[in-house]
C-alpha atoms as a PDB file:
ATOM      1  CA  MET A   1      91.194  36.444-160.426  1.00  0.00           C
ATOM      2  CA  SER A   2      88.244  37.671-162.191  1.00  0.00           C
ATOM      3  CA  ALA A   3      86.469  34.642-160.604  1.00  0.00           C
ATOM      4  CA  HIS A   4      85.858  36.094-157.384  1.00  0.00           C
ATOM      5  CA  MET A   5      86.542  39.368-155.385  1.00  0.00           C
ATOM      6  CA  PRO A   6      89.602  39.333-153.343  1.00  0.00           C
ATOM      7  CA  GLU A   7      89.321  41.619-150.062  1.00  0.00           C
ATOM      8  CA  ALA A   8      90.999  44.777-150.235  1.00  0.00           C
ATOM      9  CA  ARG A   9      94.828  45.036-149.994  1.00  0.00           C
ATOM     10  CA  ALA A  10      97.872  46.928-151.507  1.00  0.00           C
ATOM     11  CA  LEU A  11     100.548  45.944-153.498  1.00  0.00           C
ATOM     12  CA  THR A  12     104.312  46.433-152.632  1.00  0.00           C
ATOM     13  CA  GLY A  13     106.295  49.077-154.028  1.00  0.00           C
ATOM     14  CA  SER A  14     108.437  46.796-155.928  1.00  0.00           C
ATOM     15  CA  ALA A  15     105.005  44.756-156.945  1.00  0.00           C
ATOM     16  CA  VAL A  16     104.049  47.955-158.934  1.00  0.00           C
ATOM     17  CA  VAL A  17     107.420  48.059-160.734  1.00  0.00           C
ATOM     18  CA  GLU A  18     106.896  44.641-161.587  1.00  0.00           C
ATOM     19  CA  VAL A  19     103.588  45.233-162.795  1.00  0.00           C
ATOM     20  CA  TYR A  20     104.715  48.140-165.016  1.00  0.00           C
ATOM     21  CA  SER A  21     107.458  46.224-166.258  1.00  0.00           C
ATOM     22  CA  ALA A  22     105.008  43.511-167.367  1.00  0.00           C
ATOM     23  CA  LEU A  23     103.137  46.053-169.218  1.00  0.00           C
ATOM     24  CA  ASP A  24     105.930  46.919-171.219  1.00  0.00           C
ATOM     25  CA  ALA A  25     107.127  43.429-172.095  1.00  0.00           C
ATOM     26  CA  ALA A  26     103.314  42.145-172.720  1.00  0.00           C
ATOM     27  CA  GLU A  27     102.409  41.114-176.217  1.00  0.00           C
ATOM     28  CA  SER A  28      98.625  41.322-175.577  1.00  0.00           C
ATOM     29  CA  PRO A  29      95.977  41.963-172.739  1.00  0.00           C
ATOM     30  CA  VAL A  30      95.838  38.319-171.904  1.00  0.00           C
ATOM     31  CA  ASP A  31      99.828  38.403-171.517  1.00  0.00           C
ATOM     32  CA  PHE A  32      99.637  41.280-169.048  1.00  0.00           C
ATOM     33  CA  LEU A  33      96.758  40.411-167.177  1.00  0.00           C
ATOM     34  CA  ALA A  34      98.703  36.990-166.639  1.00  0.00           C
ATOM     35  CA  SER A  35     101.616  38.428-165.346  1.00  0.00           C
ATOM     36  CA  ALA A  36      99.702  40.640-163.119  1.00  0.00           C
ATOM     37  CA  ASP A  37      97.810  37.497-161.434  1.00  0.00           C
ATOM     38  CA  SER A  38     101.333  35.897-161.174  1.00  0.00           C
ATOM     39  CA  ILE A  39     102.885  38.757-159.386  1.00  0.00           C
ATOM     40  CA  ILE A  40      99.657  39.577-157.230  1.00  0.00           C
ATOM     41  CA  ALA A  41      99.841  35.533-156.352  1.00  0.00           C
ATOM     42  CA  ARG A  42     103.201  35.770-154.495  1.00  0.00           C
ATOM     43  CA  PRO A  43     102.448  36.664-150.684  1.00  0.00           C
ATOM     44  CA  GLU A  44     105.265  38.925-150.487  1.00  0.00           C
ATOM     45  CA  ASN A  45     103.868  41.059-152.823  1.00  0.00           C
ATOM     46  CA  THR A  46     100.944  42.273-150.832  1.00  0.00           C
ATOM     47  CA  LEU A  47     100.051  44.098-147.784  1.00  0.00           C
ATOM     48  CA  PRO A  48      97.327  44.014-145.687  1.00  0.00           C
ATOM     49  CA  LEU A  49      95.281  47.228-144.715  1.00  0.00           C
ATOM     50  CA  PRO A  50      95.134  48.210-141.201  1.00  0.00           C
ATOM     51  CA  VAL A  51      91.252  47.022-140.683  1.00  0.00           C
ATOM     52  CA  SER A  52      90.065  44.133-142.677  1.00  0.00           C
ATOM     53  CA  LEU A  53      87.134  45.073-144.786  1.00  0.00           C
ATOM     54  CA  GLY A  54      86.100  42.045-145.992  1.00  0.00           C
ATOM     55  CA  ILE A  55      84.708  41.260-149.626  1.00  0.00           C
ATOM     56  CA  PRO A  56      82.713  44.045-151.232  1.00  0.00           C
ATOM     57  CA  ASP A  57      79.801  44.128-152.842  1.00  0.00           C
ATOM     58  CA  GLU A  58      79.730  43.592-156.754  1.00  0.00           C
ATOM     59  CA  LEU A  59      79.969  46.727-159.003  1.00  0.00           C
ATOM     60  CA  LYS A  60      77.410  47.281-161.732  1.00  0.00           C
ATOM     61  CA  VAL A  61      78.289  47.291-165.347  1.00  0.00           C
ATOM     62  CA  PHE A  62      75.476  48.412-167.428  1.00  0.00           C
ATOM     63  CA  GLY A  63      76.898  49.938-170.694  1.00  0.00           C
ATOM     64  CA  THR A  64      76.117  53.451-170.428  1.00  0.00           C
ATOM     65  CA  ARG A  65      78.240  56.449-169.359  1.00  0.00           C
ATOM     66  CA  ALA A  66      76.021  57.151-166.307  1.00  0.00           C
ATOM     67  CA  ILE A  67      76.635  53.292-164.871  1.00  0.00           C
ATOM     68  CA  ASP A  68      78.720  54.463-161.875  1.00  0.00           C
ATOM     69  CA  THR A  69      76.284  56.675-160.150  1.00  0.00           C
ATOM     70  CA  ASP A  70      75.463  53.619-158.070  1.00  0.00           C
ATOM     71  CA  ASN A  71      79.404  52.154-157.989  1.00  0.00           C
ATOM     72  CA  ALA A  72      80.745  55.468-156.556  1.00  0.00           C
ATOM     73  CA  PRO A  73      78.797  55.071-153.071  1.00  0.00           C
ATOM     74  CA  ARG A  74      79.378  51.143-153.124  1.00  0.00           C
ATOM     75  CA  VAL A  75      83.096  51.742-153.599  1.00  0.00           C
ATOM     76  CA  HIS A  76      83.150  54.964-150.956  1.00  0.00           C
ATOM     77  CA  ASP A  77      80.926  53.010-148.492  1.00  0.00           C
ATOM     78  CA  TYR A  78      83.495  49.771-148.891  1.00  0.00           C
ATOM     79  CA  LEU A  79      86.460  51.532-147.847  1.00  0.00           C
ATOM     80  CA  GLY A  80      85.271  54.209-145.810  1.00  0.00           C
ATOM     81  CA  GLU A  81      87.092  57.746-145.220  1.00  0.00           C
ATOM     82  CA  MET A  82      90.660  57.746-145.583  1.00  0.00           C
ATOM     83  CA  ASP A  83      93.186  60.846-145.243  1.00  0.00           C
ATOM     84  CA  ARG A  84      94.312  62.142-148.477  1.00  0.00           C
ATOM     85  CA  ALA A  85      97.608  60.730-148.466  1.00  0.00           C
ATOM     86  CA  ASN A  86      96.147  57.124-147.901  1.00  0.00           C
ATOM     87  CA  ALA A  87      93.843  57.876-150.714  1.00  0.00           C
ATOM     88  CA  SER A  88      96.491  58.734-153.219  1.00  0.00           C
ATOM     89  CA  ASP A  89      98.197  55.520-152.842  1.00  0.00           C
ATOM     90  CA  ALA A  90      99.143  54.123-155.810  1.00  0.00           C
ATOM     91  CA  ARG A  91      99.605  50.780-154.521  1.00  0.00           C
ATOM     92  CA  LEU A  92      95.845  50.653-153.059  1.00  0.00           C
ATOM     93  CA  TRP A  93      94.102  51.675-156.330  1.00  0.00           C
ATOM     94  CA  ASN A  94      96.612  49.346-158.394  1.00  0.00           C
ATOM     95  CA  TYR A  95      95.470  46.590-156.251  1.00  0.00           C
ATOM     96  CA  LEU A  96      91.998  47.083-156.148  1.00  0.00           C
ATOM     97  CA  ALA A  97      91.715  47.533-160.169  1.00  0.00           C
ATOM     98  CA  LEU A  98      93.728  44.446-160.747  1.00  0.00           C
ATOM     99  CA  ALA A  99      92.326  42.077-158.023  1.00  0.00           C
ATOM    100  CA  THR A 100      89.113  43.285-155.699  1.00  0.00           C
ATOM    101  CA  TYR A 101      87.514  44.880-158.960  1.00  0.00           C
ATOM    102  CA  ARG A 102      89.060  43.309-161.575  1.00  0.00           C
ATOM    103  CA  SER A 103      85.727  41.986-163.104  1.00  0.00           C
ATOM    104  CA  TYR A 104      84.038  45.471-163.108  1.00  0.00           C
ATOM    105  CA  MET A 105      87.537  46.705-164.539  1.00  0.00           C
ATOM    106  CA  GLU A 106      87.424  43.921-167.513  1.00  0.00           C
ATOM    107  CA  LYS A 107      83.571  45.216-168.313  1.00  0.00           C
ATOM    108  CA  ARG A 108      83.882  48.918-167.889  1.00  0.00           C
ATOM    109  CA  TRP A 109      87.494  49.628-168.939  1.00  0.00           C
ATOM    110  CA  GLY A 110      88.195  46.149-171.073  1.00  0.00           C
ATOM    111  CA  LEU A 111      91.509  45.870-172.858  1.00  0.00           C
ATOM    112  CA  LEU A 112      91.283  45.197-177.068  1.00  0.00           C
ATOM    113  CA  LYS A 113      94.451  44.890-178.764  1.00  0.00           C
ATOM    114  CA  THR A 114      93.368  45.980-182.336  1.00  0.00           C
ATOM    115  CA  ALA A 115      95.047  45.908-185.987  1.00  0.00           C
ATOM    116  CA  ASP A 116      94.287  49.432-186.238  1.00  0.00           C
ATOM    117  CA  ASP A 117      95.986  50.739-182.821  1.00  0.00           C
ATOM    118  CA  PRO A 118      97.960  47.564-181.266  1.00  0.00           C
ATOM    119  CA  THR A 119      99.319  49.556-178.492  1.00  0.00           C
ATOM    120  CA  ALA A 120      96.091  51.225-177.454  1.00  0.00           C
ATOM    121  CA  TRP A 121      95.111  48.630-175.026  1.00  0.00           C
ATOM    122  CA  LYS A 122      98.418  49.623-172.892  1.00  0.00           C
ATOM    123  CA  ARG A 123      97.677  53.351-172.932  1.00  0.00           C
ATOM    124  CA  ARG A 124      94.284  52.285-171.662  1.00  0.00           C
ATOM    125  CA  VAL A 125      95.894  50.596-168.988  1.00  0.00           C
ATOM    126  CA  LYS A 126      98.067  53.220-167.886  1.00  0.00           C
ATOM    127  CA  ASP A 127      95.105  55.661-168.071  1.00  0.00           C
ATOM    128  CA  ARG A 128      92.544  53.677-166.387  1.00  0.00           C
ATOM    129  CA  TRP A 129      94.094  50.483-164.541  1.00  0.00           C
ATOM    130  CA  LEU A 130      97.375  51.653-163.294  1.00  0.00           C
ATOM    131  CA  LEU A 131      98.773  54.588-160.962  1.00  0.00           C
ATOM    132  CA  HIS A 132     102.032  55.564-161.219  1.00  0.00           C
ATOM    133  CA  PRO A 133     103.548  56.091-157.453  1.00  0.00           C
ATOM    134  CA  ALA A 134     105.790  59.206-159.031  1.00  0.00           C
ATOM    135  CA  ALA A 135     102.735  60.552-161.066  1.00  0.00           C
ATOM    136  CA  ILE A 136     100.134  60.669-158.644  1.00  0.00           C
ATOM    137  CA  THR A 137      98.062  64.064-159.812  1.00  0.00           C
ATOM    138  CA  ARG A 138      94.307  64.988-159.450  1.00  0.00           C
ATOM    139  CA  GLY A 139      93.628  64.231-163.027  1.00  0.00           C
ATOM    140  CA  ARG A 140      94.904  60.805-163.088  1.00  0.00           C
ATOM    141  CA  LEU A 141      93.255  59.964-159.568  1.00  0.00           C
ATOM    142  CA  VAL A 142      89.726  61.063-161.197  1.00  0.00           C
ATOM    143  CA  ARG A 143      90.720  58.842-164.403  1.00  0.00           C
ATOM    144  CA  HIS A 144      91.442  55.921-162.967  1.00  0.00           C
ATOM    145  CA  GLY A 145      89.037  53.260-163.091  1.00  0.00           C
ATOM    146  CA  ILE A 146      88.648  52.591-159.223  1.00  0.00           C
ATOM    147  CA  ALA A 147      89.820  55.963-157.470  1.00  0.00           C
ATOM    148  CA  ARG A 148      87.593  57.955-159.243  1.00  0.00           C
ATOM    149  CA  LEU A 149      84.811  56.427-157.955  1.00  0.00           C
ATOM    150  CA  TRP A 150      85.997  57.044-154.227  1.00  0.00           C
ATOM    151  CA  TRP A 151      87.317  60.473-154.900  1.00  0.00           C
ATOM    152  CA  VAL A 152      84.051  61.638-156.478  1.00  0.00           C
ATOM    153  CA  ALA A 153      81.886  60.140-153.734  1.00  0.00           C
ATOM    154  CA  HIS A 154      84.489  61.280-151.151  1.00  0.00           C
ATOM    155  CA  LEU A 155      84.040  64.724-152.104  1.00  0.00           C
ATOM    156  CA  THR A 156      80.061  65.121-152.608  1.00  0.00           C
ATOM    157  CA  TYR A 157      79.349  62.494-149.599  1.00  0.00           C
ATOM    158  CA  SER A 158      76.567  63.874-147.264  1.00  0.00           C
ATOM    159  CA  ARG A 159      76.360  67.194-149.348  1.00  0.00           C
ATOM    160  CA  SER A 160      72.741  66.990-150.496  1.00  0.00           C
ATOM    161  CA  LYS A 161      70.389  70.073-151.320  1.00  0.00           C
ATOM    162  CA  ALA A 162      66.625  69.318-151.091  1.00  0.00           C
ATOM    163  CA  ALA A 163      66.358  70.047-154.763  1.00  0.00           C
ATOM    164  CA  ALA A 164      68.351  66.617-155.415  1.00  0.00           C
ATOM    165  CA  SER A 165      67.404  64.371-152.378  1.00  0.00           C
ATOM    166  CA  ALA A 166      67.184  65.433-148.836  1.00  0.00           C
ATOM    167  CA  ASP A 167      67.412  61.896-147.752  1.00  0.00           C
ATOM    168  CA  ASP A 168      70.074  60.443-150.207  1.00  0.00           C
ATOM    169  CA  ARG A 169      73.527  61.109-148.554  1.00  0.00           C
ATOM    170  CA  TYR A 170      75.189  60.308-152.401  1.00  0.00           C
ATOM    171  CA  ALA A 171      72.468  62.964-154.175  1.00  0.00           C
ATOM    172  CA  TYR A 172      75.572  64.921-155.097  1.00  0.00           C
ATOM    173  CA  THR A 173      77.851  61.769-156.264  1.00  0.00           C
ATOM    174  CA  ARG A 174      75.130  60.888-158.691  1.00  0.00           C
ATOM    175  CA  GLU A 175      74.637  64.186-159.998  1.00  0.00           C
ATOM    176  CA  VAL A 176      78.347  64.304-161.078  1.00  0.00           C
ATOM    177  CA  PHE A 177      78.162  60.935-162.594  1.00  0.00           C
ATOM    178  CA  LYS A 178      75.449  61.828-164.874  1.00  0.00           C
ATOM    179  CA  SER A 179      78.505  62.545-167.303  1.00  0.00           C
ATOM    180  CA  GLU A 180      82.369  61.620-167.806  1.00  0.00           C
ATOM    181  CA  ASP A 181      82.847  65.431-169.236  1.00  0.00           C
ATOM    182  CA  ARG A 182      81.536  66.705-166.067  1.00  0.00           C
ATOM    183  CA  ILE A 183      83.875  64.601-163.439  1.00  0.00           C
ATOM    184  CA  ASN A 184      86.958  65.977-165.845  1.00  0.00           C
ATOM    185  CA  ALA A 185      85.171  69.211-165.639  1.00  0.00           C
ATOM    186  CA  ILE A 186      85.031  69.572-162.040  1.00  0.00           C
ATOM    187  CA  PHE A 187      87.475  67.346-160.190  1.00  0.00           C
ATOM    188  CA  ASP A 188      90.515  67.620-162.921  1.00  0.00           C
ATOM    189  CA  ARG A 189      91.220  70.978-161.632  1.00  0.00           C
ATOM    190  CA  GLU A 190      92.795  71.462-157.672  1.00  0.00           C
ATOM    191  CA  VAL A 191      89.979  73.793-156.883  1.00  0.00           C
ATOM    192  CA  GLY A 192      87.780  70.758-157.746  1.00  0.00           C
ATOM    193  CA  ALA A 193      89.221  69.344-154.285  1.00  0.00           C
ATOM    194  CA  ASN A 194      87.580  71.772-152.087  1.00  0.00           C
ATOM    195  CA  PRO A 195      84.141  70.377-150.962  1.00  0.00           C
ATOM    196  CA  ALA A 196      82.467  73.942-150.351  1.00  0.00           C
ATOM    197  CA  VAL A 197      83.300  74.776-153.847  1.00  0.00           C
ATOM    198  CA  VAL A 198      82.014  71.422-155.035  1.00  0.00           C
ATOM    199  CA  THR A 199      78.879  71.880-153.137  1.00  0.00           C
ATOM    200  CA  ALA A 200      78.337  75.215-154.374  1.00  0.00           C
ATOM    201  CA  ILE A 201      78.855  74.240-158.584  1.00  0.00           C
ATOM    202  CA  LEU A 202      76.541  71.323-158.038  1.00  0.00           C
ATOM    203  CA  ASP A 203      73.843  73.465-156.532  1.00  0.00           C
ATOM    204  CA  HIS A 204      74.177  75.453-159.457  1.00  0.00           C
ATOM    205  CA  ALA A 205      73.805  72.713-161.855  1.00  0.00           C
ATOM    206  CA  ILE A 206      70.844  71.499-159.868  1.00  0.00           C
ATOM    207  CA  ASP A 207      69.171  74.724-160.005  1.00  0.00           C
ATOM    208  CA  ALA A 208      70.302  75.465-164.010  1.00  0.00           C
ATOM    209  CA  GLY A 209      68.770  71.770-165.007  1.00  0.00           C
ATOM    210  CA  SER A 210      69.757  71.232-168.272  1.00  0.00           C
ATOM    211  CA  ALA A 211      71.175  74.352-169.069  1.00  0.00           C
ATOM    212  CA  ALA A 212      73.970  73.190-166.964  1.00  0.00           C
ATOM    213  CA  THR A 213      75.983  71.561-169.690  1.00  0.00           C
ATOM    214  CA  ASP A 214      79.369  70.043-169.103  1.00  0.00           C
ATOM    215  CA  LYS A 215      80.973  72.895-171.321  1.00  0.00           C
ATOM    216  CA  TYR A 216      79.143  75.280-169.336  1.00  0.00           C
ATOM    217  CA  LEU A 217      80.450  74.261-165.993  1.00  0.00           C
ATOM    218  CA  GLN A 218      84.178  73.441-167.218  1.00  0.00           C
ATOM    219  CA  ARG A 219      84.031  77.239-168.132  1.00  0.00           C
ATOM    220  CA  ILE A 220      82.876  78.401-164.652  1.00  0.00           C
ATOM    221  CA  MET A 221      85.285  76.295-163.187  1.00  0.00           C
ATOM    222  CA  GLN A 222      88.049  77.596-165.521  1.00  0.00           C
ATOM    223  CA  PHE A 223      87.169  81.061-163.998  1.00  0.00           C
ATOM    224  CA  LEU A 224      87.103  79.724-160.246  1.00  0.00           C
ATOM    225  CA  THR A 225      90.855  78.296-161.300  1.00  0.00           C
ATOM    226  CA  LEU A 226      91.886  81.560-162.438  1.00  0.00           C
ATOM    227  CA  THR A 227      90.470  83.324-159.655  1.00  0.00           C
ATOM    228  CA  ASN A 228      91.940  80.980-156.913  1.00  0.00           C
ATOM    229  CA  GLY A 229      95.455  81.690-158.395  1.00  0.00           C
ATOM    230  CA  TYR A 230      95.467  85.244-156.839  1.00  0.00           C
ATOM    231  CA  ARG A 231      92.588  84.766-154.250  1.00  0.00           C
ATOM    232  CA  ASP A 232      92.577  81.985-152.169  1.00  0.00           C
ATOM    233  CA  ILE A 233      88.976  80.287-152.582  1.00  0.00           C
ATOM    234  CA  GLY A 234      89.384  78.069-149.757  1.00  0.00           C
ATOM    235  CA  VAL A 235      88.980  80.714-146.937  1.00  0.00           C
ATOM    236  CA  LEU A 236      85.548  81.626-148.131  1.00  0.00           C
ATOM    237  CA  ASP A 237      82.656  80.813-146.393  1.00  0.00           C
ATOM    238  CA  THR A 238      79.256  79.265-148.578  1.00  0.00           C
ATOM    239  CA  ALA A 239      77.796  82.667-149.269  1.00  0.00           C
ATOM    240  CA  GLY A 240      81.339  83.635-150.718  1.00  0.00           C
ATOM    241  CA  ILE A 241      81.777  81.111-152.679  1.00  0.00           C
ATOM    242  CA  SER A 242      78.326  81.055-154.300  1.00  0.00           C
ATOM    243  CA  SER A 243      78.916  85.178-154.596  1.00  0.00           C
ATOM    244  CA  LEU A 244      81.958  84.144-156.726  1.00  0.00           C
ATOM    245  CA  ILE A 245      80.089  81.604-158.826  1.00  0.00           C
ATOM    246  CA  SER A 246      77.452  83.860-159.622  1.00  0.00           C
ATOM    247  CA  VAL A 247      80.566  86.224-160.857  1.00  0.00           C
ATOM    248  CA  ALA A 248      81.703  83.579-162.804  1.00  0.00           C
ATOM    249  CA  VAL A 249      78.245  82.880-164.371  1.00  0.00           C
ATOM    250  CA  ASP A 250      78.468  86.274-166.290  1.00  0.00           C
ATOM    251  CA  HIS A 251      81.568  85.006-167.594  1.00  0.00           C
ATOM    252  CA  ALA A 252      80.418  81.422-168.506  1.00  0.00           C
ATOM    253  CA  PRO A 253      76.742  82.086-170.940  1.00  0.00           C
ATOM    254  CA  ARG A 254      74.375  79.058-171.052  1.00  0.00           C
ATOM    255  CA  LYS A 255      75.459  77.665-174.419  1.00  0.00           C
END
């Protein structure tokens, strides 16, 4: 299936179960991907989306940590906006990783069996290629090879500060994808699902420039997460969130 890009579809629930069984039984990445292809090729194992999306643009693979600065907007533009229930559907993301964006996944999150750790490739499949329907969490969504592209773009789309680029709808998206650790620091926590919080954090990162290291932002997000435990940050307006981040900064020295 790497020779072309099938239109986006979703796997059936039973097909997802089959794919996981195939992973458990596979002796190598080649075995697993061949089994996945066979499962996907059966018409009864896939479901069309409510609206036909056509064939997407190819995603780029440059071999650097920031390669997804352009890929995230492409995936978001292709799939469009979704409600959070549909955007957390493992059946969709599993099909996209195994079929529609297969070539990208093989290059970006390649599977290789090594003598030193012969099962490492299976862990990568579970971490980057597949989502289990019974274990959908914020952290898993922002680690999945394709879901992460849509989710980060969704939470940062059209919130562009002049300091970044007033004409770029995805300026904040590109700001986030400058670093893999930054994605985990901001979006792995539930408070990171609040677009107003994300906007305020990224405004601060843009203003702070190189001082806004990943560890620095992680400490701010940890403070906001603790605060959200006894105070609903989601009800605050922009000024209130910015004020709270100023307090968080005092607890996150720039080191």
